[in-house]
Amino acid sequence: MVRMEILFLLLSAFVFSSSSVEAGFIGVNYGRVADNLPPPENVVALLKTIGVTNVKLYDADPSVLRALAGSGIEAVVTVPNELLATAATRRNFALAWVQRNVAPYYPSTLVKFVAVGNEVFADPNNLTDFLVPAMRNFHAALAQLGLDGVVKVSSPIALTALQTSYPPSSGAFRPDLAEPVMRPMLELLHQTGSYMMVNAYPFFAYEDNTDAISLDYALFQPNSGVVDAGSNLRYYSLLDAQIDAVFAAMSALSYDDIKIVLSETGWPSKGDKKETGAGLANAAAYNGNLVRRILSGNAGTPMRPQADLDVYLFALFNENQKPGPESERNYGLFYPDEQKVYDIAFALGGDPRGRGRWNENRGRAISPAPSTERVSSTGATWCVANKMAGAVKLQAALDYACGEGGADCRAIQPGAACFHPNTLEAHASYAFNSYYQTQGRASGTCDFNGASLVVYQPPGKNGDVLATAPSLSGRREDMEFQSEEDEATEGAILQAEVGWVVAAERLSHMKIAEKVAQSIEETLMNPPGSKT
């Protein structure tokens, strides 16, 4: 009876957390600073094929809005920065803009937000004073047309709006912005039920501080974490720290009830020589791990663990006419011919597009992007435990992988070659990777409901990945041993590559919930230290 009650509660929680209402969503930024992009109709078809239901535009182009009609895709339209001064001083201009760019299309085209400008504080034309008055006028225009209940107003800010961001608990807005701009903006968002839009790029922070910031910390890879001395919270990802710095800055102004939307984030697949960290493998790791985390319901941050974060990845396409360093033209998930730059899935069950894994060459001549990490020429990947998932979730997923999943877990049994380190995380990493490699590294086979992460460089012994692919490349170079101690395990690894068992089916919510229920029930019946 106890188990059935626990199972029901857990199933409810799993279904609830995976619903589109409560869990965060993954959208994309559809920039068009290029001369070789497909027509909007093709782009909408692409979005529907890969399962993306939210798109952010940098304008309100009629051809794009018409193409989105009837698609079910929710859109953010943007008022260009150069119009803010006029919109702030002429209320009728804001009304005319909404009448021309929102009202004729809604509800066939699901306009969700009007973004008033983009990173206005960073604009060299000094438009800051116009921002909040313009936002008020656009909201008034929506209200006058009866659209304010369904279309919200916001304005994406960059992290340069912060005076301090480290540690996250000390996050604060710049003195020139806090009272004159941010407080009235937050009050408007609070009154209208809107969200704070934030553009955050861990890539920039890593690129400028490679001596102080771990690449794993920036890419959502397994790491020892960073403790915030002010709050005593431990952070395992740089993005979490950046978001919590904004939460802290908002809290300092007594606004704790406004949701943050990540209006831009991404990682470039190519960069100039001086752009350390730009590269295909890192871009795939950052965006892939972020997508899996959001869709699995683990979007909360240490400061706001229950927060559901909505994310717009930057960007949909590589844009060949963007100025600046090489990276600016290489943030895209897709090439202009609609082929993937690298493979990530927008659904936990795999890529609905039905395409195979990323082929690094893709029939093109691609020069390796400068990078500090070793990237396997085979495009090899590994699956490791996500320590942020917690012990209960890791144990349940480990039980599944070693049981019904068919992972070869003999090497992590007591007395076996890979039993040490004897930790849940180490054993889970071994089992998850065994399952993942057995499944041919297929999309969706390293999610375990958020208990695992894909990594793109072979971890060392402390990374706890000891199982390798049985025959994906036929070469031992796929696994790099970081030390002599690691090398001593190679015999066990070779043994683990023999007799791989094909798993019966992919991990489902029902199975994981049942395993968790069983684990909790056993703990209740046999608490630690009791005799059985």
Protein backbone atom coordinates (compact mmCIF):
# COMPACT_ATOMS: atom_id res chain seq x y z
CA MET A 1 0.00 0.00 0.00
CA VAL A 2 2.83 2.35 0.89
CA ARG A 3 4.55 1.63 -2.40
CA MET A 4 1.39 2.26 -4.41
CA GLU A 5 0.85 5.63 -2.74
CA ILE A 6 4.47 6.64 -3.32
CA LEU A 7 4.28 5.43 -6.93
CA PHE A 8 1.12 7.47 -7.55
CA LEU A 9 2.66 10.62 -6.10
CA LEU A 10 5.87 10.18 -8.08
CA LEU A 11 4.05 9.45 -11.31
CA SER A 12 1.98 12.59 -10.79
CA ALA A 13 5.14 14.58 -10.16
CA PHE A 14 6.88 13.18 -13.22
CA VAL A 15 3.95 13.80 -15.53
CA PHE A 16 3.39 17.22 -14.01
CA SER A 17 7.02 18.28 -14.32
CA SER A 18 7.19 17.20 -17.95
CA SER A 19 4.07 19.04 -19.03
CA SER A 20 4.35 22.00 -21.31
CA VAL A 21 2.51 24.15 -18.75
CA GLU A 22 4.84 23.70 -15.78
CA ALA A 23 8.18 22.81 -17.33
CA GLY A 24 10.25 25.38 -19.16
CA PHE A 25 10.39 25.40 -22.95
CA ILE A 26 13.19 25.62 -25.48
CA GLY A 27 12.73 28.23 -28.18
CA VAL A 28 15.10 29.75 -30.74
CA ASN A 29 16.15 33.20 -31.88
CA TYR A 30 15.44 33.60 -35.60
CA GLY A 31 17.97 36.21 -36.69
CA ARG A 32 18.16 37.12 -40.39
CA VAL A 33 21.40 39.08 -40.83
CA ALA A 34 22.31 36.98 -43.84
CA ASP A 35 21.79 36.83 -47.58
CA ASN A 36 21.42 33.06 -47.96
CA LEU A 37 18.65 31.99 -45.58
CA PRO A 38 15.65 29.90 -46.64
CA PRO A 39 12.26 31.60 -47.08
CA PRO A 40 10.12 32.02 -43.94
CA GLU A 41 7.72 29.26 -45.01
CA ASN A 42 10.61 26.77 -45.05
CA VAL A 43 11.83 28.03 -41.69
CA VAL A 44 8.42 27.50 -40.09
CA ALA A 45 8.33 23.97 -41.52
CA LEU A 46 11.80 23.36 -40.07
CA LEU A 47 10.72 24.58 -36.63
CA LYS A 48 7.70 22.31 -36.67
CA THR A 49 9.78 19.35 -37.79
CA ILE A 50 12.27 19.65 -34.94
CA GLY A 51 9.51 20.32 -32.41
CA VAL A 52 10.26 23.98 -31.54
CA THR A 53 7.12 25.85 -30.53
CA ASN A 54 8.58 29.23 -29.54
CA VAL A 55 10.54 31.66 -31.69
CA LYS A 56 11.94 35.10 -31.04
CA LEU A 57 12.25 37.63 -33.87
CA TYR A 58 14.40 40.75 -33.98
CA ASP A 59 11.74 42.69 -35.87
CA ALA A 60 8.13 42.20 -36.94
CA ASP A 61 8.64 41.26 -40.56
CA PRO A 62 5.25 40.70 -42.24
CA SER A 63 6.46 37.75 -44.33
CA VAL A 64 7.61 35.91 -41.20
CA LEU A 65 4.45 36.71 -39.25
CA ARG A 66 2.32 35.48 -42.15
CA ALA A 67 4.36 32.29 -42.41
CA LEU A 68 3.80 31.63 -38.69
CA ALA A 69 0.02 31.89 -39.06
CA GLY A 70 -1.76 28.70 -38.05
CA SER A 71 1.51 26.99 -37.05
CA GLY A 72 0.88 27.00 -33.31
CA ILE A 73 4.34 28.51 -32.80
CA GLU A 74 4.40 31.35 -30.27
CA ALA A 75 6.41 34.40 -31.31
CA VAL A 76 8.24 37.32 -29.74
CA VAL A 77 8.30 40.40 -31.98
CA THR A 78 10.84 43.16 -31.38
CA VAL A 79 10.68 46.92 -31.64
CA PRO A 80 14.09 48.01 -33.02
CA ASN A 81 16.21 50.21 -30.75
CA GLU A 82 16.14 53.06 -33.23
CA LEU A 83 12.37 53.46 -32.73
CA LEU A 84 12.48 53.80 -28.94
CA ALA A 85 12.87 57.58 -28.79
CA THR A 86 9.83 58.10 -30.98
CA ALA A 87 7.76 55.46 -29.18
CA ALA A 88 8.64 56.98 -25.80
CA THR A 89 7.55 60.49 -26.71
CA ARG A 90 4.62 59.73 -29.05
CA ARG A 91 1.99 57.40 -27.65
CA ASN A 92 0.14 57.32 -30.96
CA PHE A 93 3.27 55.96 -32.63
CA ALA A 94 3.31 52.99 -30.27
CA LEU A 95 -0.38 52.41 -30.95
CA ALA A 96 0.16 52.56 -34.71
CA TRP A 97 3.06 50.11 -34.45
CA VAL A 98 0.95 47.57 -32.56
CA GLN A 99 -1.95 48.08 -34.98
CA ARG A 100 0.39 47.37 -37.88
CA ASN A 101 2.62 44.62 -36.47
CA VAL A 102 0.58 42.70 -33.89
CA ALA A 103 -3.18 43.21 -34.15
CA PRO A 104 -3.61 42.13 -37.83
CA TYR A 105 -1.87 38.81 -37.19
CA TYR A 106 -3.19 37.77 -33.78
CA PRO A 107 -4.55 35.20 -32.98
CA SER A 108 -3.71 33.30 -36.17
CA THR A 109 -0.10 34.17 -35.44
CA LEU A 110 0.46 33.67 -31.72
CA VAL A 111 2.37 36.79 -30.75
CA LYS A 112 3.33 36.29 -27.09
CA PHE A 113 5.65 39.21 -26.34
CA VAL A 114 6.55 42.59 -27.68
CA ALA A 115 10.25 43.03 -26.88
CA VAL A 116 10.88 46.76 -26.66
CA GLY A 117 14.44 47.08 -27.93
CA ASN A 118 17.30 44.69 -27.32
CA GLU A 119 20.14 45.26 -24.85
CA VAL A 120 19.29 48.95 -24.82
CA PHE A 121 21.79 49.76 -22.04
CA ALA A 122 24.62 48.57 -24.27
CA ASP A 123 23.48 50.62 -27.27
CA PRO A 124 26.04 53.34 -28.10
CA ASN A 125 23.25 55.77 -28.98
CA ASN A 126 22.38 56.25 -25.29
CA LEU A 127 18.71 55.24 -25.45
CA THR A 128 18.37 54.22 -21.81
CA ASP A 129 16.12 57.11 -20.78
CA PHE A 130 13.59 56.20 -23.47
CA LEU A 131 13.22 52.53 -22.55
CA VAL A 132 10.66 52.47 -19.74
CA PRO A 133 8.44 55.24 -21.24
CA ALA A 134 8.41 53.30 -24.52
CA MET A 135 7.51 50.08 -22.69
CA ARG A 136 4.64 51.86 -20.96
CA ASN A 137 3.32 53.21 -24.26
CA PHE A 138 3.45 49.82 -25.94
CA HIS A 139 1.61 48.23 -23.02
CA ALA A 140 -1.00 51.01 -23.17
CA ALA A 141 -1.41 50.36 -26.91
CA LEU A 142 -1.96 46.64 -26.31
CA ALA A 143 -4.47 47.47 -23.56
CA GLN A 144 -6.34 49.86 -25.83
CA LEU A 145 -6.70 47.09 -28.42
CA GLY A 146 -7.70 44.50 -25.82
CA LEU A 147 -4.51 42.47 -26.28
CA ASP A 148 -2.70 43.16 -22.99
CA GLY A 149 -4.04 39.96 -21.42
CA VAL A 150 -2.34 37.74 -24.01
CA VAL A 151 0.59 39.81 -25.31
CA LYS A 152 3.11 41.04 -22.75
CA VAL A 153 5.77 43.74 -22.95
CA SER A 154 9.37 43.26 -21.85
CA SER A 155 12.90 44.22 -22.92
CA PRO A 156 15.94 41.91 -23.03
CA ILE A 157 18.84 43.11 -20.90
CA ALA A 158 22.47 42.04 -21.07
CA LEU A 159 24.49 41.06 -18.01
CA THR A 160 26.37 44.34 -18.43
CA ALA A 161 23.40 45.85 -16.57
CA LEU A 162 24.90 44.35 -13.40
CA GLN A 163 27.42 46.19 -11.28
CA THR A 164 28.39 42.96 -9.51
CA SER A 165 27.65 39.37 -10.49
CA TYR A 166 30.09 37.35 -8.38
CA PRO A 167 29.38 35.74 -6.09
CA PRO A 168 25.79 35.38 -7.32
CA SER A 169 24.30 36.34 -3.95
CA SER A 170 25.92 39.79 -4.27
CA GLY A 171 24.32 40.49 -7.66
CA ALA A 172 23.32 44.14 -8.05
CA PHE A 173 22.33 46.45 -10.88
CA ARG A 174 24.59 49.33 -11.86
CA PRO A 175 23.95 52.47 -9.79
CA ASP A 176 23.06 54.46 -12.92
CA LEU A 177 20.36 51.90 -13.75
CA ALA A 178 19.04 50.52 -10.47
CA GLU A 179 16.71 53.31 -9.36
CA PRO A 180 16.10 55.40 -12.49
CA VAL A 181 15.50 52.47 -14.88
CA MET A 182 15.38 49.00 -13.34
CA ARG A 183 12.99 49.78 -10.49
CA PRO A 184 10.31 51.33 -12.76
CA MET A 185 10.85 48.55 -15.32
CA LEU A 186 10.39 45.85 -12.69
CA GLU A 187 7.32 47.61 -11.36
CA LEU A 188 5.81 47.64 -14.85
CA LEU A 189 6.60 43.93 -15.31
CA HIS A 190 5.08 43.19 -11.90
CA GLN A 191 1.90 45.16 -12.57
CA THR A 192 1.35 43.64 -16.02
CA GLY A 193 2.28 40.05 -15.18
CA SER A 194 5.22 40.05 -17.57
CA TYR A 195 8.70 38.52 -17.35
CA MET A 196 12.23 39.82 -17.11
CA MET A 197 14.13 38.94 -20.29
CA VAL A 198 17.85 38.29 -19.84
CA ASN A 199 20.56 37.59 -22.42
CA ALA A 200 23.29 35.47 -20.80
CA TYR A 201 26.35 33.92 -22.44
CA PRO A 202 28.67 31.79 -20.29
CA PHE A 203 30.94 31.66 -23.36
CA PHE A 204 31.91 35.31 -22.91
CA ALA A 205 32.73 34.86 -19.24
CA TYR A 206 34.76 31.71 -19.95
CA GLU A 207 36.61 33.29 -22.89
CA ASP A 208 37.70 36.23 -20.72
CA ASN A 209 38.57 34.16 -17.64
CA THR A 210 39.94 30.80 -18.77
CA ASP A 211 42.43 30.86 -15.92
CA ALA A 212 39.65 31.06 -13.33
CA ILE A 213 36.62 29.36 -14.92
CA SER A 214 36.52 25.64 -15.66
CA LEU A 215 35.29 24.66 -19.13
CA ASP A 216 33.22 21.88 -17.54
CA TYR A 217 31.60 24.49 -15.28
CA ALA A 218 30.65 26.54 -18.35
CA LEU A 219 29.30 23.56 -20.35
CA PHE A 220 27.10 21.86 -17.70
CA GLN A 221 29.63 19.04 -17.52
CA PRO A 222 30.39 17.16 -14.28
CA ASN A 223 32.54 19.31 -11.98
CA SER A 224 33.21 19.84 -8.29
CA GLY A 225 31.17 23.04 -8.22
CA VAL A 226 31.78 26.55 -6.90
CA VAL A 227 30.52 27.64 -3.48
CA ASP A 228 28.97 31.09 -3.06
CA ALA A 229 30.52 32.33 0.18
CA GLY A 230 27.62 34.70 0.76
CA SER A 231 24.83 32.14 0.53
CA ASN A 232 26.80 28.89 1.01
CA LEU A 233 25.07 27.54 -2.10
CA ARG A 234 27.09 25.33 -4.43
CA TYR A 235 26.91 26.02 -8.17
CA TYR A 236 27.63 23.41 -10.82
CA SER A 237 27.06 25.63 -13.84
CA LEU A 238 28.13 29.12 -14.79
CA LEU A 239 24.73 29.87 -16.31
CA ASP A 240 23.03 29.18 -12.98
CA ALA A 241 25.40 31.62 -11.31
CA GLN A 242 24.66 34.29 -13.92
CA ILE A 243 20.89 33.85 -13.60
CA ASP A 244 21.01 33.91 -9.80
CA ALA A 245 23.05 37.12 -9.93
CA VAL A 246 20.10 38.70 -11.76
CA PHE A 247 17.65 37.21 -9.26
CA ALA A 248 19.74 38.72 -6.45
CA ALA A 249 19.81 42.12 -8.16
CA MET A 250 16.01 42.02 -8.54
CA SER A 251 15.63 40.94 -4.92
CA ALA A 252 17.78 43.86 -3.80
CA LEU A 253 15.07 46.10 -5.27
CA SER A 254 12.36 44.01 -3.50
CA TYR A 255 11.09 42.29 -6.65
CA ASP A 256 11.13 38.56 -5.91
CA ASP A 257 8.05 37.44 -7.81
CA ILE A 258 9.04 38.15 -11.42
CA LYS A 259 9.98 35.24 -13.62
CA ILE A 260 13.15 35.33 -15.71
CA VAL A 261 13.09 34.29 -19.37
CA LEU A 262 16.46 33.54 -20.93
CA SER A 263 15.91 35.51 -24.12
CA GLU A 264 19.34 34.68 -25.57
CA THR A 265 22.01 32.13 -24.77
CA GLY A 266 24.27 29.98 -26.90
CA TRP A 267 27.80 28.92 -27.76
CA PRO A 268 29.63 29.48 -31.08
CA SER A 269 30.69 26.49 -33.14
CA LYS A 270 33.61 28.40 -34.62
CA GLY A 271 35.67 31.43 -33.71
CA ASP A 272 38.84 33.40 -34.25
CA LYS A 273 42.11 32.10 -32.84
CA LYS A 274 41.82 34.32 -29.80
CA GLU A 275 38.26 33.15 -29.04
CA THR A 276 39.20 30.36 -26.67
CA GLY A 277 36.53 27.70 -26.30
CA ALA A 278 34.67 28.32 -29.56
CA GLY A 279 34.18 25.03 -31.38
CA LEU A 280 31.74 22.39 -32.55
CA ALA A 281 32.12 20.05 -29.60
CA ASN A 282 31.70 22.78 -27.01
CA ALA A 283 28.68 24.27 -28.79
CA ALA A 284 27.05 20.85 -28.96
CA ALA A 285 27.84 20.23 -25.29
CA TYR A 286 26.50 23.58 -24.05
CA ASN A 287 23.28 23.66 -26.05
CA GLY A 288 22.64 19.92 -25.82
CA ASN A 289 23.08 19.77 -22.05
CA LEU A 290 20.99 22.91 -21.55
CA VAL A 291 18.14 21.55 -23.68
CA ARG A 292 18.10 18.24 -21.81
CA ARG A 293 18.14 20.02 -18.48
CA ILE A 294 15.23 22.34 -19.32
CA LEU A 295 13.06 19.65 -20.88
CA SER A 296 13.65 17.21 -18.02
CA GLY A 297 12.27 19.70 -15.51
CA ASN A 298 15.61 20.49 -13.81
CA ALA A 299 15.57 24.16 -14.75
CA GLY A 300 15.75 25.57 -11.25
CA THR A 301 18.83 27.34 -9.91
CA PRO A 302 20.41 27.00 -6.46
CA MET A 303 18.77 30.27 -5.40
CA ARG A 304 15.42 29.45 -7.04
CA PRO A 305 15.25 25.63 -7.22
CA GLN A 306 11.57 25.60 -8.22
CA ALA A 307 11.93 28.10 -11.03
CA ASP A 308 10.85 26.97 -14.50
CA LEU A 309 13.17 28.62 -16.98
CA ASP A 310 12.09 29.33 -20.55
CA VAL A 311 15.04 29.55 -22.95
CA TYR A 312 15.52 30.97 -26.44
CA LEU A 313 18.70 29.55 -27.94
CA PHE A 314 20.82 31.84 -30.07
CA ALA A 315 20.51 31.20 -32.89
CA LEU A 316 18.56 29.20 -35.44
CA PHE A 317 20.96 29.82 -38.36
CA ASN A 318 24.54 30.85 -38.94
CA GLU A 319 24.26 34.43 -40.22
CA ASN A 320 26.96 35.30 -42.74
CA GLN A 321 26.51 39.09 -42.68
CA LYS A 322 26.86 39.69 -38.97
CA PRO A 323 29.79 41.99 -38.15
CA GLY A 324 32.42 41.32 -35.52
CA PRO A 325 34.59 38.29 -34.75
CA GLU A 326 34.18 34.94 -36.46
CA SER A 327 32.04 33.61 -33.63
CA GLU A 328 29.27 36.11 -34.38
CA ARG A 329 28.58 34.32 -37.66
CA ASN A 330 28.67 30.85 -36.12
CA TYR A 331 26.11 30.61 -33.33
CA GLY A 332 23.59 28.79 -35.50
CA LEU A 333 22.09 25.39 -34.86
CA PHE A 334 21.60 25.05 -38.61
CA TYR A 335 23.38 26.02 -41.79
CA PRO A 336 21.34 28.09 -44.28
CA ASP A 337 20.64 24.88 -46.24
CA GLU A 338 18.74 23.63 -43.15
CA GLN A 339 21.35 21.00 -42.32
CA LYS A 340 22.44 20.72 -38.69
CA VAL A 341 25.71 22.25 -37.60
CA TYR A 342 25.73 19.62 -34.84
CA ASP A 343 23.16 17.29 -33.40
CA ILE A 344 20.94 18.14 -30.46
CA ALA A 345 17.38 16.93 -29.89
CA PHE A 346 14.54 19.23 -28.90
CA ALA A 347 12.57 16.43 -27.24
CA LEU A 348 13.68 13.99 -24.54
CA GLY A 349 12.50 11.06 -26.60
CA GLY A 350 14.93 11.89 -29.41
CA ASP A 351 14.97 14.11 -32.44
CA PRO A 352 11.51 14.14 -34.08
CA ARG A 353 13.21 15.01 -37.32
CA GLY A 354 14.39 11.41 -37.46
CA ARG A 355 17.91 12.17 -38.62
CA GLY A 356 21.04 10.39 -37.55
CA ARG A 357 23.88 11.57 -35.36
CA TRP A 358 26.06 14.52 -36.19
CA ASN A 359 28.65 13.67 -38.81
CA GLU A 360 31.52 16.05 -38.22
CA ASN A 361 32.38 16.48 -41.88
CA ARG A 362 28.85 16.42 -43.35
CA GLY A 363 30.33 16.34 -46.85
CA ARG A 364 31.92 19.76 -46.31
CA ALA A 365 35.43 21.01 -45.83
CA ILE A 366 35.32 22.27 -42.25
CA SER A 367 38.43 23.62 -40.61
CA PRO A 368 38.71 22.74 -36.91
CA ALA A 369 37.82 25.73 -34.76
CA PRO A 370 40.46 26.85 -32.30
CA SER A 371 39.96 25.22 -28.94
CA THR A 372 41.86 24.31 -25.81
CA GLU A 373 40.31 20.88 -25.42
CA ARG A 374 41.07 17.61 -27.18
CA VAL A 375 38.15 16.68 -29.43
CA SER A 376 37.98 13.17 -30.78
CA SER A 377 38.11 13.02 -34.57
CA THR A 378 35.27 10.51 -34.44
CA GLY A 379 32.87 12.89 -32.72
CA ALA A 380 32.68 10.43 -29.80
CA THR A 381 30.49 11.22 -26.80
CA TRP A 382 30.01 9.76 -23.33
CA CYS A 383 27.13 9.70 -20.85
CA VAL A 384 27.81 10.57 -17.20
CA ALA A 385 25.78 11.15 -14.04
CA ASN A 386 24.34 14.59 -13.40
CA LYS A 387 25.06 15.17 -9.71
CA MET A 388 22.51 18.00 -9.63
CA ALA A 389 19.72 15.42 -10.13
CA GLY A 390 20.06 14.21 -6.54
CA ALA A 391 20.67 10.83 -4.96
CA VAL A 392 17.13 9.44 -5.26
CA LYS A 393 16.89 10.14 -8.98
CA LEU A 394 20.42 8.85 -9.64
CA GLN A 395 19.75 5.62 -7.73
CA ALA A 396 16.49 4.98 -9.55
CA ALA A 397 18.11 5.54 -12.94
CA LEU A 398 21.11 3.37 -11.95
CA ASP A 399 18.75 0.54 -10.95
CA TYR A 400 17.01 0.78 -14.30
CA ALA A 401 20.22 0.91 -16.34
CA CYS A 402 21.70 -2.15 -14.62
CA GLY A 403 18.38 -4.00 -14.67
CA GLU A 404 15.85 -3.63 -17.45
CA GLY A 405 18.11 -1.29 -19.40
CA GLY A 406 20.62 -4.07 -20.01
CA ALA A 407 23.78 -2.11 -19.12
CA ASP A 408 26.80 -4.31 -18.31
CA CYS A 409 27.34 -3.42 -14.65
CA ARG A 410 29.56 -6.34 -13.65
CA ALA A 411 32.65 -4.12 -13.41
CA ILE A 412 31.10 -1.95 -10.66
CA GLN A 413 30.10 -4.82 -8.39
CA PRO A 414 31.98 -5.25 -5.06
CA GLY A 415 35.48 -6.57 -5.70
CA ALA A 416 35.33 -5.87 -9.45
CA ALA A 417 37.82 -3.68 -11.29
CA CYS A 418 35.69 -0.52 -11.35
CA PHE A 419 33.96 -0.78 -7.98
CA HIS A 420 36.13 2.07 -6.72
CA PRO A 421 35.48 4.89 -6.30
CA ASN A 422 32.49 3.42 -4.43
CA THR A 423 30.13 6.36 -4.93
CA LEU A 424 26.65 6.59 -6.38
CA GLU A 425 27.79 9.13 -8.95
CA ALA A 426 30.71 6.98 -10.15
CA HIS A 427 28.61 3.83 -10.45
CA ALA A 428 25.76 5.69 -12.13
CA SER A 429 28.16 7.21 -14.67
CA TYR A 430 29.51 3.78 -15.54
CA ALA A 431 26.02 2.29 -15.94
CA PHE A 432 24.60 5.24 -17.88
CA ASN A 433 27.53 5.21 -20.30
CA SER A 434 27.24 1.46 -20.81
CA TYR A 435 23.56 1.88 -21.74
CA TYR A 436 24.30 4.90 -23.95
CA GLN A 437 27.11 3.21 -25.87
CA THR A 438 25.06 0.03 -26.30
CA GLN A 439 22.32 2.11 -27.89
CA GLY A 440 24.80 3.54 -30.41
CA ARG A 441 24.80 6.96 -28.74
CA ALA A 442 21.37 7.62 -30.21
CA SER A 443 19.53 10.83 -29.36
CA GLY A 444 17.45 10.46 -26.22
CA THR A 445 19.41 7.53 -24.74
CA CYS A 446 21.33 9.73 -22.30
CA ASP A 447 18.59 11.64 -20.54
CA PHE A 448 17.35 9.30 -17.77
CA ASN A 449 14.86 12.01 -16.87
CA GLY A 450 17.60 14.52 -16.18
CA ALA A 451 19.87 12.18 -14.20
CA SER A 452 22.61 12.19 -16.84
CA LEU A 453 24.59 14.43 -19.19
CA VAL A 454 26.37 13.92 -22.50
CA VAL A 455 30.04 14.92 -22.45
CA TYR A 456 32.22 15.45 -25.49
CA GLN A 457 35.68 14.76 -24.11
CA PRO A 458 36.69 11.52 -22.36
CA PRO A 459 36.59 12.15 -18.61
CA GLY A 460 39.49 11.08 -16.44
CA LYS A 461 39.15 8.61 -13.61
CA ASN A 462 37.39 11.13 -11.40
CA GLY A 463 34.93 11.63 -14.23
CA ASP A 464 33.88 8.03 -13.59
CA VAL A 465 33.29 7.06 -17.22
CA LEU A 466 34.91 3.70 -17.78
CA ALA A 467 32.71 2.04 -20.38
CA THR A 468 33.41 2.78 -24.06
CA ALA A 469 31.58 2.15 -27.31
CA PRO A 470 31.83 -1.47 -28.47
CA SER A 471 32.20 -0.91 -32.21
CA LEU A 472 31.31 2.62 -33.22
CA SER A 473 34.70 3.41 -34.63
CA GLY A 474 36.72 0.26 -34.11
CA ARG A 475 39.56 2.31 -32.60
CA ARG A 476 40.82 2.59 -29.04
CA GLU A 477 41.62 6.27 -29.61
CA ASP A 478 38.01 7.02 -28.71
CA MET A 479 38.99 6.72 -25.05
CA GLU A 480 41.74 8.90 -23.67
CA PHE A 481 43.33 7.87 -20.37
CA GLN A 482 44.32 10.92 -18.39
CA SER A 483 46.80 9.20 -16.05
CA GLU A 484 48.63 5.96 -15.38
CA GLU A 485 45.99 5.18 -12.78
CA ASP A 486 43.32 5.42 -15.45
CA GLU A 487 45.37 3.29 -17.79
CA ALA A 488 45.39 0.51 -15.24
CA THR A 489 41.65 0.10 -15.77
CA GLU A 490 41.98 -0.53 -19.49
CA GLY A 491 41.86 -4.30 -19.03
CA ALA A 492 38.52 -3.98 -17.28
CA ILE A 493 37.26 -1.70 -20.01
CA LEU A 494 38.18 -4.19 -22.71
CA GLN A 495 36.36 -6.86 -20.77
CA ALA A 496 33.31 -4.62 -20.49
CA GLU A 497 33.24 -4.27 -24.27
CA VAL A 498 32.51 -7.99 -24.67
CA GLY A 499 28.98 -9.32 -24.61
CA TRP A 500 27.01 -6.09 -24.75
CA VAL A 501 23.31 -6.63 -24.19
CA VAL A 502 20.86 -4.64 -26.28
CA ALA A 503 18.45 -2.84 -23.94
CA ALA A 504 14.79 -3.75 -24.23
CA GLU A 505 13.55 -0.18 -24.49
CA ARG A 506 14.23 3.41 -23.57
CA LEU A 507 13.75 4.69 -20.01
CA SER A 508 10.13 5.80 -19.49
CA HIS A 509 8.45 7.89 -16.82
CA MET A 510 6.56 4.84 -15.55
CA LYS A 511 9.71 2.79 -15.06
CA ILE A 512 11.71 5.52 -13.42
CA ALA A 513 8.83 6.40 -11.07
CA GLU A 514 8.37 2.76 -10.10
CA LYS A 515 12.07 2.40 -9.37
CA VAL A 516 12.10 5.56 -7.26
CA ALA A 517 9.02 4.37 -5.35
CA GLN A 518 10.67 1.03 -4.69
CA SER A 519 13.85 2.74 -3.53
CA ILE A 520 11.97 5.04 -1.14
CA GLU A 521 9.87 2.18 0.19
CA GLU A 522 12.96 0.09 0.91
CA THR A 523 14.54 3.05 2.69
CA LEU A 524 11.43 3.53 4.83
CA MET A 525 11.27 -0.15 5.71
CA ASN A 526 15.02 -0.50 6.28
CA PRO A 527 16.48 2.80 7.48
CA PRO A 528 20.27 3.15 7.54
CA GLY A 529 21.79 1.29 10.49
CA SER A 530 18.86 -1.08 10.95
CA LYS A 531 19.28 -4.84 10.84
CA THR A 532 17.58 -6.77 8.10
